[in-house]
Amino acid sequence: MRAVWVATVDNIDWPDTPSINSQVQKDAFLRLLDVHQCNGINTIIVQVRPSSDAFYPSPYEPWSQWLTGIQGQAPMPYYDPLEFMISESHKRGMEFHAWINPYRAIHHISKSSITENHITNQHPDWFIDYGEKKYFDPGNKEAQQYVVDVVKDIVKRYKIDAVHIDDYFYPYPIPNLKFSDEKSFECYGQNMKIDDWRRSNIDSIIFKLYTSIKILNKNCQFGVSPFGVWRNSDRDPRGSHTRAGPTDYDYLYADILLWLKNGWIDYVAPQLYWEMGSKRVPFNVVIDWWSKNTCGKNCYIGLGVYRAGSNKAWSNKNELPLQIKKIRNTPNIQGMMFYSSRSLEKNLNGWGDSLRLNYFKNPAPIPKIK
């Protein structure tokens, strides 16, 4: 697996800027594909639902403001961007993974363009404000089913190779700010501790998504890209010898090991955006931990090429090559994913050249579902 994430939220990767002009959108995406094809990438992961909006004509959600500039505004002349992206990726022999954010509903409460018929206006009781964002309440059963229905619609209508979700389950904690889900807990959390109840909510939607996807298309993969540390070993002897701040299990309420053990996901792609010599989360330590905890599923390592130049380690041109070599010499690891597209397009630290001329010079088959 040689994949790249294409983030659309805030126009991080594509489109460069919102434009109503469909040809401008198409041309920008084709340039992006051409660069990655040249660099040896074989999988494109595009964020098609960044914040309860859509980069495709959806019966549930409005067109994304990051596509055309105003939420609800379709591109002109009219076309289906998702169908176009899938087709162009497949022409180049690349897989296309549709990346969604299940719970983020409004990215900037005070700034985002929101339509009158947006789901937050239709069912305000489904949502919780936290910081500058609005989130679906993961404990609300109707909200859970809505998210499942959105995903089912994508799988029914498009020839995607995978549904992909990242690390945003319960939101990353903001100091001294409470996530106010007391009403749902009172309604559904009888005889449970709140942390266990929150984890059960995330377990529930993961199971529902997996089963719904497989009923519609058994060949469509379901992959998760979590934060890189499941738990620190000082909290759990099964955890990694790391000192991460937030962790999947304790702060985001995502029990990745349970999903792998139960076969509820086809692949895991932990985001290991640390350098080899990190004091709190050394890359070598955490990749070895994931290698031992894949439960027989495919594991792809998320690499933070965006960090180029951010500190002394990431200013070293050898940092990424060393990480790629470590991946290739570690058992039970089937490839890598790069965050994000623009970093490779800019050839930061010359790493795009390294992929094209060295590490990805020869093509590789994409791993099959286990």
Protein backbone atom coordinates (compact mmCIF):
# COMPACT_ATOMS: atom_id res chain seq x y z
CA MET A 1 0.00 0.00 0.00
CA ARG A 2 1.38 3.37 -1.09
CA ALA A 3 -1.39 5.81 -0.30
CA VAL A 4 -1.84 9.54 0.11
CA TRP A 5 -4.52 11.43 2.00
CA VAL A 6 -6.22 14.27 0.11
CA ALA A 7 -7.78 16.56 2.74
CA THR A 8 -10.57 18.86 1.57
CA VAL A 9 -11.47 20.49 4.88
CA ASP A 10 -10.31 24.12 4.84
CA ASN A 11 -8.93 23.35 1.33
CA ILE A 12 -5.83 21.76 2.85
CA ASP A 13 -5.07 19.75 -0.32
CA TRP A 14 -7.88 20.05 -2.88
CA PRO A 15 -9.32 22.18 -4.32
CA ASP A 16 -6.60 24.81 -3.85
CA THR A 17 -9.38 27.34 -3.25
CA PRO A 18 -13.15 26.89 -3.60
CA SER A 19 -14.45 27.47 -7.11
CA ILE A 20 -17.86 27.07 -8.66
CA ASN A 21 -16.14 26.32 -11.97
CA SER A 22 -16.18 22.56 -12.49
CA GLN A 23 -13.31 22.63 -15.00
CA VAL A 24 -11.07 24.41 -12.48
CA GLN A 25 -11.86 21.65 -9.95
CA LYS A 26 -11.21 18.88 -12.47
CA ASP A 27 -7.94 20.34 -13.72
CA ALA A 28 -6.62 20.70 -10.16
CA PHE A 29 -7.49 17.10 -9.31
CA LEU A 30 -5.90 15.77 -12.50
CA ARG A 31 -2.68 17.62 -11.73
CA LEU A 32 -2.72 16.11 -8.24
CA LEU A 33 -3.22 12.59 -9.62
CA ASP A 34 -0.46 13.02 -12.18
CA VAL A 35 2.05 14.03 -9.51
CA HIS A 36 1.19 11.07 -7.30
CA GLN A 37 1.15 8.59 -10.16
CA CYS A 38 4.62 9.79 -11.11
CA ASN A 39 5.76 9.31 -7.49
CA GLY A 40 4.51 5.71 -7.39
CA ILE A 41 1.38 6.19 -5.25
CA ASN A 42 -1.19 3.42 -5.81
CA THR A 43 -4.07 4.57 -3.58
CA ILE A 44 -5.86 7.92 -3.25
CA ILE A 45 -7.83 8.65 -0.06
CA VAL A 46 -10.09 11.66 -0.63
CA GLN A 47 -12.10 13.38 2.09
CA VAL A 48 -15.56 13.38 0.50
CA ARG A 49 -17.56 14.23 3.65
CA PRO A 50 -15.44 16.58 5.77
CA SER A 51 -18.16 18.11 7.96
CA SER A 52 -21.68 16.77 7.30
CA ASP A 53 -21.39 18.09 3.77
CA ALA A 54 -20.63 16.41 0.47
CA PHE A 55 -18.25 16.42 -2.47
CA TYR A 56 -20.93 14.59 -4.44
CA PRO A 57 -24.69 15.02 -4.99
CA SER A 58 -26.11 13.68 -1.72
CA PRO A 59 -29.77 13.14 -0.80
CA TYR A 60 -28.78 13.76 2.82
CA GLU A 61 -26.26 16.60 2.91
CA PRO A 62 -25.49 19.82 1.04
CA TRP A 63 -22.59 20.47 -1.32
CA SER A 64 -19.48 21.41 0.62
CA GLN A 65 -18.45 25.03 0.98
CA TRP A 66 -14.86 23.89 0.41
CA LEU A 67 -15.82 22.79 -3.10
CA THR A 68 -17.70 25.83 -4.41
CA GLY A 69 -17.35 28.49 -1.70
CA ILE A 70 -20.92 28.37 -0.39
CA GLN A 71 -22.49 25.35 1.27
CA GLY A 72 -25.28 23.98 -0.90
CA GLN A 73 -23.96 25.45 -4.16
CA ALA A 74 -23.40 22.84 -6.89
CA PRO A 75 -20.47 23.12 -9.30
CA MET A 76 -21.12 24.62 -12.75
CA PRO A 77 -21.36 23.20 -15.31
CA TYR A 78 -22.94 20.48 -13.20
CA TYR A 79 -21.03 17.21 -12.72
CA ASP A 80 -20.45 14.60 -10.03
CA PRO A 81 -16.97 15.21 -8.53
CA LEU A 82 -16.89 11.86 -6.73
CA GLU A 83 -17.71 9.88 -9.86
CA PHE A 84 -15.06 11.88 -11.72
CA MET A 85 -12.38 11.29 -9.05
CA ILE A 86 -13.09 7.56 -8.86
CA SER A 87 -12.97 7.17 -12.63
CA GLU A 88 -9.73 9.12 -13.05
CA SER A 89 -8.05 7.26 -10.18
CA HIS A 90 -9.04 3.88 -11.58
CA LYS A 91 -7.77 4.88 -15.05
CA ARG A 92 -4.34 5.20 -13.47
CA GLY A 93 -4.54 1.86 -11.70
CA MET A 94 -5.08 3.53 -8.32
CA GLU A 95 -7.56 2.48 -5.67
CA PHE A 96 -9.98 5.14 -4.44
CA HIS A 97 -10.88 5.24 -0.74
CA ALA A 98 -13.75 7.54 0.25
CA TRP A 99 -12.75 9.30 3.48
CA ILE A 100 -15.52 10.58 5.74
CA ASN A 101 -15.64 12.26 9.13
CA PRO A 102 -18.51 10.55 10.94
CA TYR A 103 -19.16 13.02 13.76
CA ARG A 104 -17.97 16.50 12.79
CA ALA A 105 -21.01 18.58 11.82
CA ILE A 106 -19.85 22.21 11.73
CA HIS A 107 -16.14 23.00 11.45
CA HIS A 108 -16.28 26.65 12.57
CA ILE A 109 -19.52 27.55 14.36
CA SER A 110 -18.95 31.29 13.92
CA LYS A 111 -17.57 31.15 10.36
CA SER A 112 -18.91 28.16 8.43
CA SER A 113 -21.42 28.51 5.63
CA ILE A 114 -24.46 26.44 6.69
CA THR A 115 -27.65 25.84 4.68
CA GLU A 116 -31.14 26.07 6.16
CA ASN A 117 -31.74 22.37 5.51
CA HIS A 118 -28.42 21.24 7.02
CA ILE A 119 -28.87 18.37 9.46
CA THR A 120 -27.87 20.59 12.40
CA ASN A 121 -30.90 22.76 11.68
CA GLN A 122 -33.22 19.81 11.11
CA HIS A 123 -32.28 17.96 14.32
CA PRO A 124 -30.53 20.37 16.70
CA ASP A 125 -31.04 17.90 19.56
CA TRP A 126 -28.58 15.49 17.90
CA PHE A 127 -25.61 17.82 18.33
CA ILE A 128 -23.20 19.11 20.95
CA ASP A 129 -21.15 22.32 20.71
CA TYR A 130 -17.55 21.84 21.80
CA GLY A 131 -15.05 24.62 21.32
CA GLU A 132 -15.61 26.20 17.91
CA LYS A 133 -17.12 23.04 16.43
CA LYS A 134 -20.45 21.24 16.48
CA TYR A 135 -20.45 17.44 16.74
CA PHE A 136 -22.99 14.69 16.41
CA ASP A 137 -23.65 13.21 19.84
CA PRO A 138 -22.18 9.69 19.49
CA GLY A 139 -24.61 8.45 22.14
CA ASN A 140 -27.70 9.50 20.18
CA LYS A 141 -29.07 6.42 18.40
CA GLU A 142 -30.88 8.41 15.70
CA ALA A 143 -27.69 10.32 14.92
CA GLN A 144 -25.78 7.04 14.68
CA GLN A 145 -28.27 5.67 12.17
CA TYR A 146 -28.12 8.86 10.13
CA VAL A 147 -24.35 8.54 9.73
CA VAL A 148 -24.76 4.89 8.73
CA ASP A 149 -27.37 5.87 6.12
CA VAL A 150 -25.01 8.48 4.64
CA VAL A 151 -22.30 5.85 4.23
CA LYS A 152 -24.71 3.27 2.81
CA ASP A 153 -25.72 5.78 0.15
CA ILE A 154 -22.09 6.24 -0.94
CA VAL A 155 -21.44 2.49 -1.10
CA LYS A 156 -24.66 1.87 -3.06
CA ARG A 157 -24.01 4.48 -5.73
CA TYR A 158 -20.25 4.59 -6.22
CA LYS A 159 -17.55 2.09 -7.20
CA ILE A 160 -15.27 2.98 -4.31
CA ASP A 161 -12.64 0.54 -3.10
CA ALA A 162 -13.02 1.45 0.57
CA VAL A 163 -14.77 3.59 3.14
CA HIS A 164 -12.13 5.28 5.28
CA ILE A 165 -12.51 7.11 8.58
CA ASP A 166 -9.79 8.86 10.55
CA ASP A 167 -9.15 9.61 14.23
CA TYR A 168 -12.09 11.91 15.03
CA PHE A 169 -14.43 9.85 17.21
CA TYR A 170 -15.17 11.68 20.44
CA PRO A 171 -13.33 14.99 20.03
CA TYR A 172 -9.81 15.53 21.27
CA PRO A 173 -10.15 17.05 24.76
CA ILE A 174 -9.94 20.81 25.22
CA PRO A 175 -8.49 21.80 28.62
CA ASN A 176 -11.12 22.80 31.18
CA LEU A 177 -13.99 22.24 28.73
CA LYS A 178 -16.55 19.49 29.23
CA PHE A 179 -18.16 17.51 26.41
CA SER A 180 -21.79 17.80 27.50
CA ASP A 181 -23.40 14.47 26.63
CA GLU A 182 -25.20 14.05 29.98
CA LYS A 183 -28.68 13.77 28.44
CA SER A 184 -27.74 10.83 26.25
CA PHE A 185 -25.89 9.18 29.12
CA GLU A 186 -28.95 9.48 31.36
CA CYS A 187 -31.10 8.00 28.61
CA TYR A 188 -28.89 5.14 27.41
CA GLY A 189 -26.06 4.63 29.89
CA GLN A 190 -27.85 2.79 32.68
CA ASN A 191 -25.55 0.86 35.01
CA MET A 192 -22.46 1.85 33.01
CA LYS A 193 -19.50 4.06 33.74
CA ILE A 194 -19.49 6.99 31.34
CA ASP A 195 -16.13 6.04 29.78
CA ASP A 196 -17.33 2.50 29.08
CA TRP A 197 -20.61 3.85 27.71
CA ARG A 198 -18.79 6.22 25.36
CA ARG A 199 -16.61 3.39 24.08
CA SER A 200 -19.70 1.26 23.53
CA ASN A 201 -21.18 4.04 21.39
CA ILE A 202 -18.14 4.07 19.12
CA ASP A 203 -18.05 0.26 19.05
CA SER A 204 -21.69 0.32 17.96
CA ILE A 205 -21.23 2.59 14.96
CA ILE A 206 -18.08 0.77 13.82
CA PHE A 207 -19.99 -2.53 13.85
CA LYS A 208 -22.99 -0.97 12.07
CA LEU A 209 -20.80 0.59 9.39
CA TYR A 210 -18.87 -2.62 8.77
CA THR A 211 -21.95 -4.82 8.49
CA SER A 212 -23.83 -2.29 6.33
CA ILE A 213 -20.90 -1.91 3.92
CA LYS A 214 -20.41 -5.66 3.56
CA ILE A 215 -24.12 -6.31 2.92
CA LEU A 216 -24.02 -3.84 0.04
CA ASN A 217 -20.59 -4.73 -1.34
CA LYS A 218 -18.48 -7.46 0.23
CA ASN A 219 -15.44 -6.28 -1.74
CA CYS A 220 -15.59 -2.74 -0.42
CA GLN A 221 -13.09 -2.37 2.40
CA PHE A 222 -13.68 -0.54 5.67
CA GLY A 223 -10.56 1.05 7.11
CA VAL A 224 -9.80 3.18 10.15
CA SER A 225 -6.85 5.53 10.66
CA PRO A 226 -6.64 6.12 14.41
CA PHE A 227 -4.35 8.26 16.51
CA GLY A 228 -1.05 6.37 16.74
CA VAL A 229 -1.21 5.30 20.41
CA TRP A 230 -3.94 2.94 21.59
CA ARG A 231 -2.94 3.18 25.27
CA ASN A 232 0.24 3.93 27.20
CA SER A 233 1.66 1.00 29.15
CA ASP A 234 1.41 2.92 32.44
CA ARG A 235 -2.39 2.68 32.05
CA ASP A 236 -2.54 -0.82 30.61
CA PRO A 237 0.18 -3.51 30.33
CA ARG A 238 -1.14 -4.27 26.83
CA GLY A 239 -0.28 -0.73 25.73
CA SER A 240 2.88 0.65 24.17
CA HIS A 241 5.89 1.93 26.10
CA THR A 242 5.03 5.52 25.22
CA ARG A 243 4.00 8.70 26.99
CA ALA A 244 1.41 10.09 24.61
CA GLY A 245 -0.97 12.76 25.87
CA PRO A 246 -4.36 11.77 24.43
CA THR A 247 -4.81 8.12 23.48
CA ASP A 248 -7.44 6.28 21.47
CA TYR A 249 -8.91 4.23 24.30
CA ASP A 250 -8.84 6.72 27.17
CA TYR A 251 -9.57 10.05 25.47
CA LEU A 252 -11.20 9.38 22.08
CA TYR A 253 -13.06 6.29 23.35
CA ALA A 254 -11.94 4.23 20.36
CA ASP A 255 -11.06 0.62 21.23
CA ILE A 256 -9.16 -0.23 18.05
CA LEU A 257 -7.92 -3.56 19.40
CA LEU A 258 -11.49 -4.74 19.96
CA TRP A 259 -12.44 -3.90 16.36
CA LEU A 260 -9.39 -5.74 15.00
CA LYS A 261 -9.99 -8.77 17.22
CA ASN A 262 -13.68 -8.96 16.24
CA GLY A 263 -12.99 -8.39 12.53
CA TRP A 264 -15.08 -5.20 12.32
CA ILE A 265 -12.52 -3.42 10.12
CA ASP A 266 -10.48 -4.59 7.12
CA TYR A 267 -7.42 -2.48 7.81
CA VAL A 268 -5.92 -0.15 10.37
CA ALA A 269 -3.67 2.80 9.48
CA PRO A 270 -2.31 4.29 12.72
CA GLN A 271 -1.04 7.84 12.38
CA LEU A 272 2.60 7.63 13.47
CA TYR A 273 3.56 11.26 12.94
CA TRP A 274 6.50 11.18 15.37
CA GLU A 275 10.19 11.13 14.55
CA MET A 276 12.46 8.15 15.19
CA GLY A 277 14.01 9.81 18.25
CA SER A 278 10.86 11.23 19.83
CA LYS A 279 11.15 11.19 23.63
CA ARG A 280 7.45 10.60 24.29
CA VAL A 281 6.44 8.40 21.35
CA PRO A 282 9.46 6.98 19.49
CA PHE A 283 8.53 5.85 15.98
CA ASN A 284 10.42 2.55 16.36
CA VAL A 285 8.63 1.68 19.59
CA VAL A 286 5.12 2.36 18.41
CA ILE A 287 5.45 0.68 15.00
CA ASP A 288 6.71 -2.46 16.74
CA TRP A 289 3.67 -2.34 19.02
CA TRP A 290 1.25 -2.14 16.08
CA SER A 291 3.11 -4.96 14.34
CA LYS A 292 2.28 -7.22 17.28
CA ASN A 293 -1.37 -6.15 17.53
CA THR A 294 -2.84 -6.35 14.02
CA CYS A 295 -4.90 -9.46 14.82
CA GLY A 296 -4.20 -10.69 11.29
CA LYS A 297 -5.64 -7.61 9.57
CA ASN A 298 -3.75 -5.38 7.15
CA CYS A 299 -1.82 -2.57 8.84
CA TYR A 300 -0.60 0.50 6.97
CA ILE A 301 1.52 3.12 8.74
CA GLY A 302 0.47 6.76 8.48
CA LEU A 303 3.53 8.96 7.89
CA GLY A 304 3.60 12.70 8.63
CA VAL A 305 5.41 14.17 5.63
CA TYR A 306 3.66 17.47 6.46
CA ARG A 307 6.07 17.77 9.39
CA ALA A 308 9.05 18.43 7.10
CA GLY A 309 11.09 21.29 8.58
CA SER A 310 9.03 21.50 11.77
CA ASN A 311 11.96 20.60 14.04
CA LYS A 312 15.55 19.37 13.80
CA ALA A 313 14.58 15.75 13.21
CA TRP A 314 12.06 16.59 10.51
CA SER A 315 14.54 18.89 8.82
CA ASN A 316 16.78 15.87 8.27
CA LYS A 317 16.17 14.53 4.76
CA ASN A 318 16.88 11.00 6.04
CA GLU A 319 13.98 10.96 8.51
CA LEU A 320 11.36 9.73 6.05
CA PRO A 321 13.66 7.22 4.29
CA LEU A 322 14.56 5.74 7.69
CA GLN A 323 10.87 5.36 8.52
CA ILE A 324 10.13 3.71 5.17
CA LYS A 325 13.00 1.27 5.71
CA LYS A 326 11.68 0.48 9.19
CA ILE A 327 8.21 -0.22 7.76
CA ARG A 328 9.66 -2.56 5.15
CA ASN A 329 11.68 -4.44 7.76
CA THR A 330 8.82 -4.85 10.24
CA PRO A 331 6.56 -7.94 10.07
CA ASN A 332 2.77 -7.63 9.71
CA ILE A 333 2.98 -4.18 8.10
CA GLN A 334 1.64 -4.07 4.55
CA GLY A 335 2.48 -0.52 3.50
CA MET A 336 2.14 3.18 4.27
CA MET A 337 -0.06 6.24 3.88
CA PHE A 338 1.23 9.82 3.61
CA TYR A 339 -0.31 12.92 5.13
CA SER A 340 -0.84 14.85 3.12
CA SER A 341 -1.09 15.34 -0.62
CA ARG A 342 0.19 18.92 -0.78
CA SER A 343 3.36 18.02 1.16
CA LEU A 344 4.32 15.45 -1.46
CA GLU A 345 3.25 17.71 -4.32
CA LYS A 346 5.59 20.40 -2.97
CA ASN A 347 8.38 17.80 -2.77
CA LEU A 348 9.23 18.88 0.79
CA ASN A 349 12.77 17.78 1.74
CA GLY A 350 12.96 16.20 -1.72
CA TRP A 351 10.85 13.30 -0.49
CA GLY A 352 8.67 13.15 -3.59
CA ASP A 353 11.85 12.65 -5.60
CA SER A 354 12.96 9.92 -3.18
CA LEU A 355 9.72 8.01 -3.71
CA ARG A 356 9.83 8.35 -7.49
CA LEU A 357 13.51 7.57 -7.99
CA ASN A 358 14.10 5.07 -5.20
CA TYR A 359 11.50 3.62 -2.85
CA PHE A 360 8.54 3.46 -5.25
CA LYS A 361 10.49 3.14 -8.46
CA ASN A 362 8.98 -0.30 -9.12
CA PRO A 363 5.18 -0.75 -8.86
CA ALA A 364 3.68 -2.89 -6.11
CA PRO A 365 0.37 -4.77 -5.96
CA ILE A 366 -2.18 -3.38 -3.53
CA PRO A 367 -2.76 -5.76 -0.60
CA LYS A 368 -5.97 -7.79 -0.62
CA ILE A 369 -8.52 -7.94 2.20
CA LYS A 370 -7.61 -10.56 4.80
